[in-house]
Amino acid sequence: ERPEKVAYLGPEGSYTHQAAESRFGGISDYLAVHSIQ
């Protein structure tokens, strides 16, 4: 429909990354950032 990026509290492999993938799947475009802000 419309490729959209998902930002999460990184880095790759963090629990937040796992939570993001649990809802947006492995195929989505992810952006790991260094802080909640």
PDB file of all heavy atoms in Angstrom:
ATOM      1  N   GLU A   1       0.828  -1.204   0.000  1.00  0.00           N
ATOM      2  CA  GLU A   1       0.000   0.000   0.000  1.00  0.00           C
ATOM      3  C   GLU A   1       0.863   1.254   0.000  1.00  0.00           C
ATOM      4  O   GLU A   1       0.711   2.149  -0.829  1.00  0.00           O
ATOM      5  CB  GLU A   1      -0.902   0.017   1.239  1.00  0.00           C
ATOM      6  CG  GLU A   1      -2.055  -0.964   1.192  1.00  0.00           C
ATOM      7  CD  GLU A   1      -2.950  -0.791   2.403  1.00  0.00           C
ATOM      8  OE1 GLU A   1      -3.692   0.200   2.455  1.00  0.00           O
ATOM      9  OE2 GLU A   1      -2.905  -1.653   3.308  1.00  0.00           O
ATOM     10  N   ARG A   2       1.782   1.305   0.965  1.00  0.00           N
ATOM     11  CA  ARG A   2       2.613   2.508   1.113  1.00  0.00           C
ATOM     12  C   ARG A   2       3.774   2.169   2.053  1.00  0.00           C
ATOM     13  O   ARG A   2       3.575   2.077   3.270  1.00  0.00           O
ATOM     14  CB  ARG A   2       1.802   3.649   1.705  1.00  0.00           C
ATOM     15  CG  ARG A   2       2.536   4.999   1.719  1.00  0.00           C
ATOM     16  CD  ARG A   2       1.789   6.003   2.559  1.00  0.00           C
ATOM     17  NE  ARG A   2       0.423   6.164   2.137  1.00  0.00           N
ATOM     18  CZ  ARG A   2      -0.576   6.577   2.933  1.00  0.00           C
ATOM     19  NH1 ARG A   2      -0.323   6.845   4.194  1.00  0.00           N
ATOM     20  NH2 ARG A   2      -1.801   6.688   2.470  1.00  0.00           N
ATOM     21  N   PRO A   3       4.977   1.948   1.512  1.00  0.00           N
ATOM     22  CA  PRO A   3       6.108   1.615   2.389  1.00  0.00           C
ATOM     23  C   PRO A   3       6.337   2.724   3.415  1.00  0.00           C
ATOM     24  O   PRO A   3       6.432   3.894   3.058  1.00  0.00           O
ATOM     25  CB  PRO A   3       7.291   1.510   1.405  1.00  0.00           C
ATOM     26  CG  PRO A   3       6.659   1.254   0.083  1.00  0.00           C
ATOM     27  CD  PRO A   3       5.342   1.996   0.103  1.00  0.00           C
ATOM     28  N   GLU A   4       6.400   2.338   4.685  1.00  0.00           N
ATOM     29  CA  GLU A   4       6.572   3.326   5.745  1.00  0.00           C
ATOM     30  C   GLU A   4       7.583   2.826   6.761  1.00  0.00           C
ATOM     31  O   GLU A   4       7.630   1.632   7.071  1.00  0.00           O
ATOM     32  CB  GLU A   4       5.218   3.632   6.409  1.00  0.00           C
ATOM     33  CG  GLU A   4       4.273   4.384   5.468  1.00  0.00           C
ATOM     34  CD  GLU A   4       2.888   4.590   6.045  1.00  0.00           C
ATOM     35  OE1 GLU A   4       2.450   3.740   6.842  1.00  0.00           O
ATOM     36  OE2 GLU A   4       2.248   5.592   5.708  1.00  0.00           O
ATOM     37  N   LYS A   5       8.377   3.733   7.281  1.00  0.00           N
ATOM     38  CA  LYS A   5       9.472   3.381   8.179  1.00  0.00           C
ATOM     39  C   LYS A   5       8.992   3.325   9.629  1.00  0.00           C
ATOM     40  O   LYS A   5       8.113   4.071  10.046  1.00  0.00           O
ATOM     41  CB  LYS A   5      10.591   4.415   8.040  1.00  0.00           C
ATOM     42  CG  LYS A   5      11.933   3.977   8.602  1.00  0.00           C
ATOM     43  CD  LYS A   5      12.991   5.041   8.371  1.00  0.00           C
ATOM     44  CE  LYS A   5      13.348   5.179   6.911  1.00  0.00           C
ATOM     45  NZ  LYS A   5      14.105   4.014   6.403  1.00  0.00           N
ATOM     46  N   VAL A   6       9.587   2.408  10.391  1.00  0.00           N
ATOM     47  CA  VAL A   6       9.274   2.234  11.805  1.00  0.00           C
ATOM     48  C   VAL A   6      10.528   2.537  12.623  1.00  0.00           C
ATOM     49  O   VAL A   6      11.546   1.845  12.497  1.00  0.00           O
ATOM     50  CB  VAL A   6       8.808   0.791  12.099  1.00  0.00           C
ATOM     51  CG1 VAL A   6       8.459   0.636  13.581  1.00  0.00           C
ATOM     52  CG2 VAL A   6       7.620   0.408  11.218  1.00  0.00           C
ATOM     53  N   ALA A   7      10.478   3.576  13.445  1.00  0.00           N
ATOM     54  CA  ALA A   7      11.601   3.923  14.325  1.00  0.00           C
ATOM     55  C   ALA A   7      11.432   3.208  15.658  1.00  0.00           C
ATOM     56  O   ALA A   7      10.319   3.039  16.150  1.00  0.00           O
ATOM     57  CB  ALA A   7      11.651   5.434  14.543  1.00  0.00           C
ATOM     58  N   TYR A   8      12.541   2.788  16.234  1.00  0.00           N
ATOM     59  CA  TYR A   8      12.471   2.106  17.531  1.00  0.00           C
ATOM     60  C   TYR A   8      13.735   2.401  18.325  1.00  0.00           C
ATOM     61  O   TYR A   8      14.763   2.813  17.770  1.00  0.00           O
ATOM     62  CB  TYR A   8      12.291   0.594  17.353  1.00  0.00           C
ATOM     63  CG  TYR A   8      13.493  -0.102  16.741  1.00  0.00           C
ATOM     64  CD1 TYR A   8      14.513  -0.616  17.536  1.00  0.00           C
ATOM     65  CD2 TYR A   8      13.609  -0.246  15.354  1.00  0.00           C
ATOM     66  CE1 TYR A   8      15.607  -1.251  16.984  1.00  0.00           C
ATOM     67  CE2 TYR A   8      14.701  -0.878  14.789  1.00  0.00           C
ATOM     68  CZ  TYR A   8      15.698  -1.384  15.609  1.00  0.00           C
ATOM     69  OH  TYR A   8      16.785  -2.005  15.051  1.00  0.00           O
ATOM     70  N   LEU A   9      13.637   2.185  19.634  1.00  0.00           N
ATOM     71  CA  LEU A   9      14.790   2.367  20.511  1.00  0.00           C
ATOM     72  C   LEU A   9      15.761   1.221  20.257  1.00  0.00           C
ATOM     73  O   LEU A   9      15.499   0.085  20.623  1.00  0.00           O
ATOM     74  CB  LEU A   9      14.348   2.392  21.976  1.00  0.00           C
ATOM     75  CG  LEU A   9      15.460   2.491  23.015  1.00  0.00           C
ATOM     76  CD1 LEU A   9      16.238   3.794  22.849  1.00  0.00           C
ATOM     77  CD2 LEU A   9      14.880   2.394  24.425  1.00  0.00           C
ATOM     78  N   GLY A  10      16.879   1.545  19.594  1.00  0.00           N
ATOM     79  CA  GLY A  10      17.828   0.526  19.201  1.00  0.00           C
ATOM     80  C   GLY A  10      18.839   0.237  20.292  1.00  0.00           C
ATOM     81  O   GLY A  10      18.664   0.635  21.445  1.00  0.00           O
ATOM     82  N   PRO A  11      19.894  -0.484  19.891  1.00  0.00           N
ATOM     83  CA  PRO A  11      20.217  -0.906  18.527  1.00  0.00           C
ATOM     84  C   PRO A  11      19.485  -2.178  18.119  1.00  0.00           C
ATOM     85  O   PRO A  11      18.616  -2.665  18.841  1.00  0.00           O
ATOM     86  CB  PRO A  11      21.731  -1.140  18.601  1.00  0.00           C
ATOM     87  CG  PRO A  11      21.951  -1.592  20.007  1.00  0.00           C
ATOM     88  CD  PRO A  11      20.976  -0.790  20.844  1.00  0.00           C
ATOM     89  N   GLU A  12      19.866  -2.711  16.956  1.00  0.00           N
ATOM     90  CA  GLU A  12      19.285  -3.952  16.476  1.00  0.00           C
ATOM     91  C   GLU A  12      19.466  -5.044  17.524  1.00  0.00           C
ATOM     92  O   GLU A  12      20.531  -5.186  18.120  1.00  0.00           O
ATOM     93  CB  GLU A  12      19.981  -4.373  15.172  1.00  0.00           C
ATOM     94  CG  GLU A  12      19.397  -5.621  14.535  1.00  0.00           C
ATOM     95  CD  GLU A  12      20.160  -6.044  13.301  1.00  0.00           C
ATOM     96  OE1 GLU A  12      21.287  -5.548  13.095  1.00  0.00           O
ATOM     97  OE2 GLU A  12      19.634  -6.868  12.537  1.00  0.00           O
ATOM     98  N   GLY A  13      18.383  -5.791  17.751  1.00  0.00           N
ATOM     99  CA  GLY A  13      18.432  -6.861  18.740  1.00  0.00           C
ATOM    100  C   GLY A  13      17.914  -6.455  20.104  1.00  0.00           C
ATOM    101  O   GLY A  13      17.812  -7.292  21.007  1.00  0.00           O
ATOM    102  N   SER A  14      17.580  -5.174  20.292  1.00  0.00           N
ATOM    103  CA  SER A  14      17.021  -4.730  21.576  1.00  0.00           C
ATOM    104  C   SER A  14      15.618  -5.300  21.746  1.00  0.00           C
ATOM    105  O   SER A  14      14.976  -5.756  20.796  1.00  0.00           O
ATOM    106  CB  SER A  14      16.972  -3.205  21.632  1.00  0.00           C
ATOM    107  OG  SER A  14      16.037  -2.705  20.677  1.00  0.00           O
ATOM    108  N   TYR A  15      15.131  -5.266  22.975  1.00  0.00           N
ATOM    109  CA  TYR A  15      13.769  -5.760  23.223  1.00  0.00           C
ATOM    110  C   TYR A  15      12.747  -4.905  22.486  1.00  0.00           C
ATOM    111  O   TYR A  15      11.717  -5.411  22.039  1.00  0.00           O
ATOM    112  CB  TYR A  15      13.483  -5.764  24.730  1.00  0.00           C
ATOM    113  CG  TYR A  15      14.262  -6.820  25.481  1.00  0.00           C
ATOM    114  CD1 TYR A  15      15.241  -6.467  26.408  1.00  0.00           C
ATOM    115  CD2 TYR A  15      14.031  -8.173  25.255  1.00  0.00           C
ATOM    116  CE1 TYR A  15      15.970  -7.430  27.093  1.00  0.00           C
ATOM    117  CE2 TYR A  15      14.755  -9.138  25.934  1.00  0.00           C
ATOM    118  CZ  TYR A  15      15.720  -8.769  26.852  1.00  0.00           C
ATOM    119  OH  TYR A  15      16.441  -9.726  27.517  1.00  0.00           O
ATOM    120  N   THR A  16      13.032  -3.618  22.357  1.00  0.00           N
ATOM    121  CA  THR A  16      12.109  -2.761  21.611  1.00  0.00           C
ATOM    122  C   THR A  16      12.080  -3.160  20.142  1.00  0.00           C
ATOM    123  O   THR A  16      11.023  -3.115  19.497  1.00  0.00           O
ATOM    124  CB  THR A  16      12.509  -1.280  21.758  1.00  0.00           C
ATOM    125  OG1 THR A  16      12.725  -0.981  23.137  1.00  0.00           O
ATOM    126  CG2 THR A  16      11.412  -0.375  21.218  1.00  0.00           C
ATOM    127  N   HIS A  17      13.214  -3.559  19.598  1.00  0.00           N
ATOM    128  CA  HIS A  17      13.278  -4.062  18.227  1.00  0.00           C
ATOM    129  C   HIS A  17      12.403  -5.309  18.089  1.00  0.00           C
ATOM    130  O   HIS A  17      11.627  -5.446  17.135  1.00  0.00           O
ATOM    131  CB  HIS A  17      14.725  -4.382  17.865  1.00  0.00           C
ATOM    132  CG  HIS A  17      14.915  -4.830  16.449  1.00  0.00           C
ATOM    133  ND1 HIS A  17      16.049  -5.473  16.013  1.00  0.00           N
ATOM    134  CD2 HIS A  17      14.101  -4.754  15.358  1.00  0.00           C
ATOM    135  CE1 HIS A  17      15.935  -5.757  14.726  1.00  0.00           C
ATOM    136  NE2 HIS A  17      14.765  -5.329  14.311  1.00  0.00           N
ATOM    137  N   GLN A  18      12.491  -6.206  19.060  1.00  0.00           N
ATOM    138  CA  GLN A  18      11.659  -7.411  19.035  1.00  0.00           C
ATOM    139  C   GLN A  18      10.177  -7.055  19.104  1.00  0.00           C
ATOM    140  O   GLN A  18       9.347  -7.662  18.415  1.00  0.00           O
ATOM    141  CB  GLN A  18      12.030  -8.334  20.192  1.00  0.00           C
ATOM    142  CG  GLN A  18      13.434  -8.911  20.099  1.00  0.00           C
ATOM    143  CD  GLN A  18      13.761  -9.798  21.274  1.00  0.00           C
ATOM    144  OE1 GLN A  18      13.054 -10.761  21.560  1.00  0.00           O
ATOM    145  NE2 GLN A  18      14.841  -9.499  21.971  1.00  0.00           N
ATOM    146  N   ALA A  19       9.846  -6.083  19.950  1.00  0.00           N
ATOM    147  CA  ALA A  19       8.447  -5.659  20.065  1.00  0.00           C
ATOM    148  C   ALA A  19       7.952  -5.074  18.751  1.00  0.00           C
ATOM    149  O   ALA A  19       6.823  -5.331  18.323  1.00  0.00           O
ATOM    150  CB  ALA A  19       8.302  -4.630  21.193  1.00  0.00           C
ATOM    151  N   ALA A  20       8.807  -4.271  18.090  1.00  0.00           N
ATOM    152  CA  ALA A  20       8.428  -3.676  16.803  1.00  0.00           C
ATOM    153  C   ALA A  20       8.177  -4.759  15.757  1.00  0.00           C
ATOM    154  O   ALA A  20       7.168  -4.734  15.042  1.00  0.00           O
ATOM    155  CB  ALA A  20       9.518  -2.721  16.331  1.00  0.00           C
ATOM    156  N   GLU A  21       9.076  -5.728  15.682  1.00  0.00           N
ATOM    157  CA  GLU A  21       8.913  -6.796  14.692  1.00  0.00           C
ATOM    158  C   GLU A  21       7.700  -7.663  14.989  1.00  0.00           C
ATOM    159  O   GLU A  21       7.096  -8.221  14.072  1.00  0.00           O
ATOM    160  CB  GLU A  21      10.173  -7.660  14.633  1.00  0.00           C
ATOM    161  CG  GLU A  21      11.312  -7.026  13.868  1.00  0.00           C
ATOM    162  CD  GLU A  21      12.270  -8.052  13.290  1.00  0.00           C
ATOM    163  OE1 GLU A  21      12.153  -9.247  13.636  1.00  0.00           O
ATOM    164  OE2 GLU A  21      13.127  -7.664  12.467  1.00  0.00           O
ATOM    165  N   SER A  22       7.331  -7.770  16.266  1.00  0.00           N
ATOM    166  CA  SER A  22       6.168  -8.592  16.605  1.00  0.00           C
ATOM    167  C   SER A  22       4.878  -8.006  16.052  1.00  0.00           C
ATOM    168  O   SER A  22       3.883  -8.716  15.912  1.00  0.00           O
ATOM    169  CB  SER A  22       6.058  -8.756  18.124  1.00  0.00           C
ATOM    170  OG  SER A  22       5.548  -7.572  18.741  1.00  0.00           O
ATOM    171  N   ARG A  23       4.879  -6.706  15.735  1.00  0.00           N
ATOM    172  CA  ARG A  23       3.686  -6.079  15.188  1.00  0.00           C
ATOM    173  C   ARG A  23       3.831  -5.674  13.719  1.00  0.00           C
ATOM    174  O   ARG A  23       2.871  -5.700  12.973  1.00  0.00           O
ATOM    175  CB  ARG A  23       3.311  -4.839  16.017  1.00  0.00           C
ATOM    176  CG  ARG A  23       2.585  -5.194  17.305  1.00  0.00           C
ATOM    177  CD  ARG A  23       1.232  -5.839  17.011  1.00  0.00           C
ATOM    178  NE  ARG A  23       0.666  -6.494  18.189  1.00  0.00           N
ATOM    179  CZ  ARG A  23       0.794  -7.771  18.487  1.00  0.00           C
ATOM    180  NH1 ARG A  23       1.489  -8.566  17.721  1.00  0.00           N
ATOM    181  NH2 ARG A  23       0.222  -8.277  19.554  1.00  0.00           N
ATOM    182  N   PHE A  24       5.037  -5.332  13.304  1.00  0.00           N
ATOM    183  CA  PHE A  24       5.225  -4.855  11.932  1.00  0.00           C
ATOM    184  C   PHE A  24       5.899  -5.881  11.023  1.00  0.00           C
ATOM    185  O   PHE A  24       6.064  -5.630   9.839  1.00  0.00           O
ATOM    186  CB  PHE A  24       6.037  -3.554  11.937  1.00  0.00           C
ATOM    187  CG  PHE A  24       5.289  -2.391  12.519  1.00  0.00           C
ATOM    188  CD1 PHE A  24       5.462  -2.020  13.841  1.00  0.00           C
ATOM    189  CD2 PHE A  24       4.385  -1.675  11.752  1.00  0.00           C
ATOM    190  CE1 PHE A  24       4.776  -0.945  14.389  1.00  0.00           C
ATOM    191  CE2 PHE A  24       3.685  -0.596  12.278  1.00  0.00           C
ATOM    192  CZ  PHE A  24       3.878  -0.236  13.604  1.00  0.00           C
ATOM    193  N   GLY A  25       6.292  -7.045  11.582  1.00  0.00           N
ATOM    194  CA  GLY A  25       6.855  -8.108  10.761  1.00  0.00           C
ATOM    195  C   GLY A  25       8.291  -7.856  10.358  1.00  0.00           C
ATOM    196  O   GLY A  25       8.837  -6.763  10.509  1.00  0.00           O
ATOM    197  N   GLY A  26       8.922  -8.906   9.816  1.00  0.00           N
ATOM    198  CA  GLY A  26      10.328  -8.820   9.459  1.00  0.00           C
ATOM    199  C   GLY A  26      10.605  -8.028   8.198  1.00  0.00           C
ATOM    200  O   GLY A  26      11.727  -7.601   7.964  1.00  0.00           O
ATOM    201  N   ILE A  27       9.586  -7.823   7.359  1.00  0.00           N
ATOM    202  CA  ILE A  27       9.803  -7.177   6.060  1.00  0.00           C
ATOM    203  C   ILE A  27       9.785  -5.657   6.127  1.00  0.00           C
ATOM    204  O   ILE A  27      10.234  -4.980   5.210  1.00  0.00           O
ATOM    205  CB  ILE A  27       8.736  -7.666   5.047  1.00  0.00           C
ATOM    206  CG1 ILE A  27       9.167  -7.319   3.610  1.00  0.00           C
ATOM    207  CG2 ILE A  27       7.369  -7.084   5.382  1.00  0.00           C
ATOM    208  CD1 ILE A  27       8.252  -7.883   2.557  1.00  0.00           C
ATOM    209  N   SER A  28       9.283  -5.096   7.215  1.00  0.00           N
ATOM    210  CA  SER A  28       9.148  -3.635   7.307  1.00  0.00           C
ATOM    211  C   SER A  28      10.507  -2.938   7.329  1.00  0.00           C
ATOM    212  O   SER A  28      11.539  -3.540   7.639  1.00  0.00           O
ATOM    213  CB  SER A  28       8.344  -3.260   8.553  1.00  0.00           C
ATOM    214  OG  SER A  28       7.009  -3.699   8.441  1.00  0.00           O
ATOM    215  N   ASP A  29      10.486  -1.656   7.029  1.00  0.00           N
ATOM    216  CA  ASP A  29      11.695  -0.837   6.990  1.00  0.00           C
ATOM    217  C   ASP A  29      11.894  -0.212   8.369  1.00  0.00           C
ATOM    218  O   ASP A  29      11.097   0.622   8.803  1.00  0.00           O
ATOM    219  CB  ASP A  29      11.537   0.247   5.918  1.00  0.00           C
ATOM    220  CG  ASP A  29      12.808   1.034   5.692  1.00  0.00           C
ATOM    221  OD1 ASP A  29      13.865   0.627   6.217  1.00  0.00           O
ATOM    222  OD2 ASP A  29      12.749   2.063   4.988  1.00  0.00           O
ATOM    223  N   TYR A  30      12.963  -0.602   9.062  1.00  0.00           N
ATOM    224  CA  TYR A  30      13.168  -0.179  10.439  1.00  0.00           C
ATOM    225  C   TYR A  30      14.285   0.845  10.553  1.00  0.00           C
ATOM    226  O   TYR A  30      15.250   0.833   9.794  1.00  0.00           O
ATOM    227  CB  TYR A  30      13.497  -1.384  11.334  1.00  0.00           C
ATOM    228  CG  TYR A  30      12.317  -2.301  11.521  1.00  0.00           C
ATOM    229  CD1 TYR A  30      12.204  -3.484  10.784  1.00  0.00           C
ATOM    230  CD2 TYR A  30      11.308  -1.983  12.424  1.00  0.00           C
ATOM    231  CE1 TYR A  30      11.120  -4.321  10.950  1.00  0.00           C
ATOM    232  CE2 TYR A  30      10.216  -2.815  12.599  1.00  0.00           C
ATOM    233  CZ  TYR A  30      10.125  -3.982  11.860  1.00  0.00           C
ATOM    234  OH  TYR A  30       9.046  -4.799  12.018  1.00  0.00           O
ATOM    235  N   LEU A  31      14.126   1.739  11.534  1.00  0.00           N
ATOM    236  CA  LEU A  31      15.117   2.760  11.829  1.00  0.00           C
ATOM    237  C   LEU A  31      15.466   2.683  13.314  1.00  0.00           C
ATOM    238  O   LEU A  31      14.644   3.002  14.174  1.00  0.00           O
ATOM    239  CB  LEU A  31      14.566   4.155  11.497  1.00  0.00           C
ATOM    240  CG  LEU A  31      15.423   5.351  11.908  1.00  0.00           C
ATOM    241  CD1 LEU A  31      16.733   5.369  11.113  1.00  0.00           C
ATOM    242  CD2 LEU A  31      14.645   6.657  11.701  1.00  0.00           C
ATOM    243  N   ALA A  32      16.667   2.223  13.625  1.00  0.00           N
ATOM    244  CA  ALA A  32      17.120   2.144  15.013  1.00  0.00           C
ATOM    245  C   ALA A  32      17.702   3.485  15.423  1.00  0.00           C
ATOM    246  O   ALA A  32      18.568   4.032  14.728  1.00  0.00           O
ATOM    247  CB  ALA A  32      18.165   1.042  15.159  1.00  0.00           C
ATOM    248  N   VAL A  33      17.232   4.035  16.541  1.00  0.00           N
ATOM    249  CA  VAL A  33      17.767   5.302  17.048  1.00  0.00           C
ATOM    250  C   VAL A  33      18.249   5.105  18.480  1.00  0.00           C
ATOM    251  O   VAL A  33      17.943   4.108  19.130  1.00  0.00           O
ATOM    252  CB  VAL A  33      16.718   6.434  16.962  1.00  0.00           C
ATOM    253  CG1 VAL A  33      16.369   6.715  15.513  1.00  0.00           C
ATOM    254  CG2 VAL A  33      15.463   6.087  17.748  1.00  0.00           C
ATOM    255  N   HIS A  34      19.006   6.069  18.981  1.00  0.00           N
ATOM    256  CA  HIS A  34      19.771   5.877  20.212  1.00  0.00           C
ATOM    257  C   HIS A  34      19.017   6.213  21.489  1.00  0.00           C
ATOM    258  O   HIS A  34      19.518   5.923  22.586  1.00  0.00           O
ATOM    259  CB  HIS A  34      21.052   6.710  20.152  1.00  0.00           C
ATOM    260  CG  HIS A  34      20.782   8.190  20.151  1.00  0.00           C
ATOM    261  ND1 HIS A  34      20.379   8.875  19.023  1.00  0.00           N
ATOM    262  CD2 HIS A  34      20.827   9.103  21.158  1.00  0.00           C
ATOM    263  CE1 HIS A  34      20.199  10.145  19.320  1.00  0.00           C
ATOM    264  NE2 HIS A  34      20.456  10.314  20.601  1.00  0.00           N
ATOM    265  N   SER A  35      17.862   6.827  21.403  1.00  0.00           N
ATOM    266  CA  SER A  35      17.151   7.223  22.621  1.00  0.00           C
ATOM    267  C   SER A  35      15.647   7.272  22.374  1.00  0.00           C
ATOM    268  O   SER A  35      15.195   7.329  21.220  1.00  0.00           O
ATOM    269  CB  SER A  35      17.627   8.600  23.105  1.00  0.00           C
ATOM    270  OG  SER A  35      17.204   9.619  22.199  1.00  0.00           O
ATOM    271  N   ILE A  36      14.889   7.276  23.468  1.00  0.00           N
ATOM    272  CA  ILE A  36      13.431   7.386  23.364  1.00  0.00           C
ATOM    273  C   ILE A  36      13.056   8.733  22.746  1.00  0.00           C
ATOM    274  O   ILE A  36      12.158   8.811  21.899  1.00  0.00           O
ATOM    275  CB  ILE A  36      12.786   7.200  24.749  1.00  0.00           C
ATOM    276  CG1 ILE A  36      12.962   5.748  25.218  1.00  0.00           C
ATOM    277  CG2 ILE A  36      11.303   7.576  24.722  1.00  0.00           C
ATOM    278  CD1 ILE A  36      12.508   5.494  26.631  1.00  0.00           C
ATOM    279  N   GLN A  37      13.758   9.778  23.150  1.00  0.00           N
ATOM    280  CA  GLN A  37      13.492  11.106  22.579  1.00  0.00           C
ATOM    281  C   GLN A  37      13.723  11.111  21.074  1.00  0.00           C
ATOM    282  O   GLN A  37      12.980  11.743  20.314  1.00  0.00           O
ATOM    283  CB  GLN A  37      14.376  12.154  23.253  1.00  0.00           C
ATOM    284  CG  GLN A  37      14.094  13.568  22.774  1.00  0.00           C
ATOM    285  CD  GLN A  37      14.879  14.611  23.545  1.00  0.00           C
ATOM    286  OE1 GLN A  37      15.725  14.273  24.369  1.00  0.00           O
ATOM    287  NE2 GLN A  37      14.606  15.875  23.294  1.00  0.00           N
TER     288      GLN A  37
END
